[in-house]
Amino acid sequence: MRKLWIALVALVVLGLLFGTPYYTLWRARDAANARDADTLSTYVDYPAVRESLKSSLHDELSRQMDKQRGNALGALALAFGGWVSDRVVEALLTPEAVAAMLRGDSTGLPPAPGAPAPRDVTPPSAANEGGSPAPATPSTGSGDTAPSGAAPANERARTLTRTEFQDFNHFLVHVSRSDRPERVVTFTLTRRNLVQWRLTAIAVPPL
């Protein structure tokens, strides 16, 4: 009987140590899906997230400036990047923006060069507001098909989530969408005590 109690206590402790970040993620995402900004804010350390975003964007600007060393006009434009990046941070650092990123909605993020716009920006019905059906595309008979890696046009994009422990006190959540898998937003949850975790950093995709 004593061994059973010891095993139960060990399971509870392990659950508290390693299960609570999953609970925090579930609660934060549930609030994001419900558009409940107040509840979501209880799981976010906004000052820490602000500093992480500033650091991430400034590092990206530095890399872009290195690429523009031979382009005087490009370097001049990037010289004002620090001022611009601070405004981008403030735009991303709202409960609504954090909620959208947690849902995998990266429509508010800068698109990757050459990447198609996400399909959920314009509802499918918007193109046919007049009620007339879209003209059918005649078959060419060439047998061309969409690339195997692309999602069908009528398939709703799904949120892709991958989680991992960076170390004992940091838990990483990688979020992307099935139609833009290369645009990954990484959230860092930091342990505050035995059972409490808070979102302390967000890494956005390269500009």
Protein backbone atom coordinates (compact mmCIF):
# COMPACT_ATOMS: atom_id res chain seq x y z
CA MET A 1 0.00 0.00 0.00
CA ARG A 2 2.84 2.37 0.83
CA LYS A 3 4.43 1.74 -2.57
CA LEU A 4 1.11 2.56 -4.25
CA TRP A 5 0.91 5.91 -2.44
CA ILE A 6 4.51 6.68 -3.37
CA ALA A 7 3.73 5.88 -7.01
CA LEU A 8 0.63 8.09 -6.95
CA VAL A 9 2.54 10.99 -5.40
CA ALA A 10 5.28 10.58 -8.00
CA LEU A 11 2.71 10.69 -10.81
CA VAL A 12 1.13 13.84 -9.38
CA VAL A 13 4.52 15.54 -9.07
CA LEU A 14 5.48 14.58 -12.62
CA GLY A 15 2.15 15.85 -13.85
CA LEU A 16 2.67 19.17 -12.11
CA LEU A 17 6.22 19.50 -13.40
CA PHE A 18 5.69 18.47 -17.02
CA GLY A 19 1.95 18.54 -17.67
CA THR A 20 1.13 22.09 -16.62
CA PRO A 21 2.60 23.82 -19.72
CA TYR A 22 0.22 21.77 -21.87
CA TYR A 23 -2.65 22.89 -19.65
CA THR A 24 -1.53 26.52 -19.95
CA LEU A 25 -1.30 26.18 -23.74
CA TRP A 26 -4.78 24.64 -23.85
CA ARG A 27 -6.25 27.43 -21.73
CA ALA A 28 -4.51 30.16 -23.75
CA ARG A 29 -5.58 28.67 -27.07
CA ASP A 30 -9.13 28.18 -25.78
CA ALA A 31 -9.22 31.88 -24.89
CA ALA A 32 -7.77 32.73 -28.31
CA ASN A 33 -10.44 30.70 -30.10
CA ALA A 34 -13.13 32.38 -27.99
CA ARG A 35 -11.65 35.83 -28.72
CA ASP A 36 -11.41 36.29 -24.95
CA ALA A 37 -8.63 38.90 -24.74
CA ASP A 38 -8.91 39.36 -20.97
CA THR A 39 -8.40 35.68 -20.16
CA LEU A 40 -5.59 35.36 -22.71
CA SER A 41 -3.79 38.33 -21.16
CA THR A 42 -3.53 36.47 -17.83
CA TYR A 43 -1.19 33.99 -19.53
CA VAL A 44 1.03 36.58 -21.25
CA ASP A 45 3.97 38.51 -19.78
CA TYR A 46 3.69 41.47 -22.16
CA PRO A 47 6.89 43.32 -21.11
CA ALA A 48 8.96 40.16 -21.67
CA VAL A 49 7.26 39.44 -25.00
CA ARG A 50 7.85 43.04 -26.11
CA GLU A 51 11.59 42.73 -25.50
CA SER A 52 11.78 39.37 -27.28
CA LEU A 53 9.98 40.74 -30.35
CA LYS A 54 12.19 43.84 -30.47
CA SER A 55 15.31 41.72 -30.25
CA SER A 56 14.06 39.33 -32.94
CA LEU A 57 13.10 42.10 -35.37
CA HIS A 58 16.28 44.10 -34.79
CA ASP A 59 18.39 40.99 -35.46
CA GLU A 60 16.48 40.40 -38.69
CA LEU A 61 17.01 44.02 -39.74
CA SER A 62 20.74 43.68 -39.06
CA ARG A 63 20.88 40.63 -41.33
CA GLN A 64 19.00 42.51 -44.04
CA MET A 65 21.37 45.48 -43.72
CA ASP A 66 24.35 43.16 -44.19
CA LYS A 67 22.79 42.03 -47.48
CA GLN A 68 22.28 45.64 -48.59
CA ARG A 69 25.82 46.90 -48.01
CA GLY A 70 26.33 47.48 -51.73
CA ASN A 71 22.93 49.13 -52.19
CA ALA A 72 22.96 52.70 -50.85
CA LEU A 73 19.20 53.19 -51.25
CA GLY A 74 18.36 49.88 -49.60
CA ALA A 75 20.74 50.57 -46.73
CA LEU A 76 19.19 54.02 -46.22
CA ALA A 77 15.72 52.51 -46.06
CA LEU A 78 16.83 49.88 -43.57
CA ALA A 79 18.50 52.56 -41.45
CA PHE A 80 15.01 53.63 -40.42
CA GLY A 81 14.14 50.02 -39.67
CA GLY A 82 14.58 50.38 -35.93
CA TRP A 83 11.83 52.97 -35.76
CA VAL A 84 9.58 50.89 -37.99
CA SER A 85 10.25 47.65 -36.10
CA ASP A 86 9.16 49.26 -32.83
CA ARG A 87 5.83 50.10 -34.46
CA VAL A 88 5.53 46.53 -35.76
CA VAL A 89 6.15 45.22 -32.24
CA GLU A 90 3.39 47.38 -30.81
CA ALA A 91 1.04 46.17 -33.56
CA LEU A 92 1.83 42.53 -32.77
CA LEU A 93 1.70 43.03 -29.01
CA THR A 94 -2.06 43.15 -28.62
CA PRO A 95 -4.27 40.39 -27.20
CA GLU A 96 -6.01 40.16 -30.57
CA ALA A 97 -2.74 39.72 -32.50
CA VAL A 98 -1.38 37.16 -30.02
CA ALA A 99 -4.68 35.27 -30.19
CA ALA A 100 -4.54 35.22 -34.00
CA MET A 101 -0.99 33.85 -33.97
CA LEU A 102 -1.96 31.18 -31.43
CA ARG A 103 -4.77 30.12 -33.78
CA GLY A 104 -2.21 29.81 -36.56
CA ASP A 105 -3.59 32.85 -38.38
CA SER A 106 -0.47 34.47 -39.80
CA THR A 107 -2.39 36.82 -42.12
CA GLY A 108 -1.16 39.75 -40.03
CA LEU A 109 2.49 38.78 -40.46
CA PRO A 110 4.68 39.88 -43.37
CA PRO A 111 4.41 37.26 -46.16
CA ALA A 112 7.42 35.25 -47.21
CA PRO A 113 8.95 36.43 -50.52
CA GLY A 114 7.02 34.81 -53.37
CA ALA A 115 4.61 33.01 -51.03
CA PRO A 116 0.90 33.08 -51.95
CA ALA A 117 -1.44 34.97 -49.68
CA PRO A 118 -3.30 32.78 -47.17
CA ARG A 119 -6.63 31.60 -48.50
CA ASP A 120 -8.65 32.76 -45.52
CA VAL A 121 -7.95 36.47 -46.07
CA THR A 122 -10.91 36.70 -48.48
CA PRO A 123 -13.88 34.39 -47.80
CA PRO A 124 -14.64 32.10 -50.75
CA SER A 125 -18.05 33.76 -51.20
CA ALA A 126 -16.55 37.25 -51.51
CA ALA A 127 -15.57 36.69 -55.13
CA ASN A 128 -19.18 35.83 -56.04
CA GLU A 129 -21.10 38.53 -54.18
CA GLY A 130 -23.33 39.06 -57.17
CA GLY A 131 -24.64 35.53 -56.84
CA SER A 132 -23.34 34.36 -60.21
CA PRO A 133 -21.23 31.23 -60.17
CA ALA A 134 -17.56 31.50 -61.02
CA PRO A 135 -16.82 30.56 -64.63
CA ALA A 136 -15.65 27.02 -65.03
CA THR A 137 -12.09 26.50 -66.11
CA PRO A 138 -11.97 24.32 -69.22
CA SER A 139 -9.92 21.19 -68.98
CA THR A 140 -6.78 21.26 -71.07
CA GLY A 141 -6.50 17.51 -71.09
CA SER A 142 -2.81 17.75 -70.33
CA GLY A 143 -3.22 15.88 -67.05
CA ASP A 144 -1.58 18.67 -65.02
CA THR A 145 -2.30 18.43 -61.31
CA ALA A 146 -1.51 20.55 -58.29
CA PRO A 147 1.87 19.90 -56.64
CA SER A 148 1.75 17.02 -54.22
CA GLY A 149 2.76 19.29 -51.32
CA ALA A 150 -0.01 21.82 -51.91
CA ALA A 151 -3.36 21.62 -50.16
CA PRO A 152 -6.49 21.40 -52.38
CA ALA A 153 -8.03 24.79 -53.07
CA ASN A 154 -11.28 23.90 -51.28
CA GLU A 155 -9.61 22.46 -48.19
CA ARG A 156 -9.74 24.64 -45.10
CA ALA A 157 -6.29 25.44 -43.72
CA ARG A 158 -5.47 23.64 -40.47
CA THR A 159 -3.38 24.86 -37.55
CA LEU A 160 -0.20 22.81 -37.13
CA THR A 161 1.30 22.69 -33.65
CA ARG A 162 4.54 21.12 -32.43
CA THR A 163 5.69 21.32 -28.79
CA GLU A 164 8.92 20.56 -27.00
CA PHE A 165 10.74 21.30 -23.75
CA GLN A 166 13.75 23.53 -24.39
CA ASP A 167 14.87 22.86 -20.84
CA PHE A 168 13.26 22.34 -17.44
CA ASN A 169 11.87 25.89 -17.26
CA HIS A 170 11.14 26.67 -20.92
CA PHE A 171 8.50 25.10 -23.16
CA LEU A 172 8.37 25.84 -26.91
CA VAL A 173 5.23 25.88 -29.03
CA HIS A 174 5.73 26.02 -32.82
CA VAL A 175 2.57 27.09 -34.67
CA SER A 176 2.00 27.25 -38.43
CA ARG A 177 -0.74 26.58 -40.97
CA SER A 178 -1.17 23.73 -43.39
CA ASP A 179 -1.25 26.15 -46.34
CA ARG A 180 1.86 28.05 -45.17
CA PRO A 181 3.94 25.51 -43.23
CA GLU A 182 7.13 27.51 -43.73
CA ARG A 183 5.72 30.47 -41.75
CA VAL A 184 6.31 29.21 -38.21
CA VAL A 185 5.65 31.33 -35.12
CA THR A 186 7.40 30.03 -31.99
CA PHE A 187 6.02 30.80 -28.54
CA THR A 188 8.12 30.35 -25.40
CA LEU A 189 6.39 29.52 -22.13
CA THR A 190 8.50 30.08 -19.02
CA ARG A 191 7.94 28.39 -15.67
CA ARG A 192 7.08 30.84 -12.89
CA ASN A 193 6.67 28.29 -10.12
CA LEU A 194 5.81 24.61 -9.79
CA VAL A 195 2.51 24.87 -11.70
CA GLN A 196 2.42 28.32 -13.27
CA TRP A 197 3.66 29.13 -16.80
CA ARG A 198 3.55 32.38 -18.75
CA LEU A 199 4.15 33.30 -22.38
CA THR A 200 7.40 35.29 -22.32
CA ALA A 201 8.68 35.30 -25.93
CA ILE A 202 7.41 35.15 -29.50
CA ALA A 203 9.65 34.51 -32.49
CA VAL A 204 8.04 35.48 -35.79
CA PRO A 205 9.14 34.22 -39.23
CA PRO A 206 11.86 36.14 -41.10
CA LEU A 207 10.61 39.29 -42.81
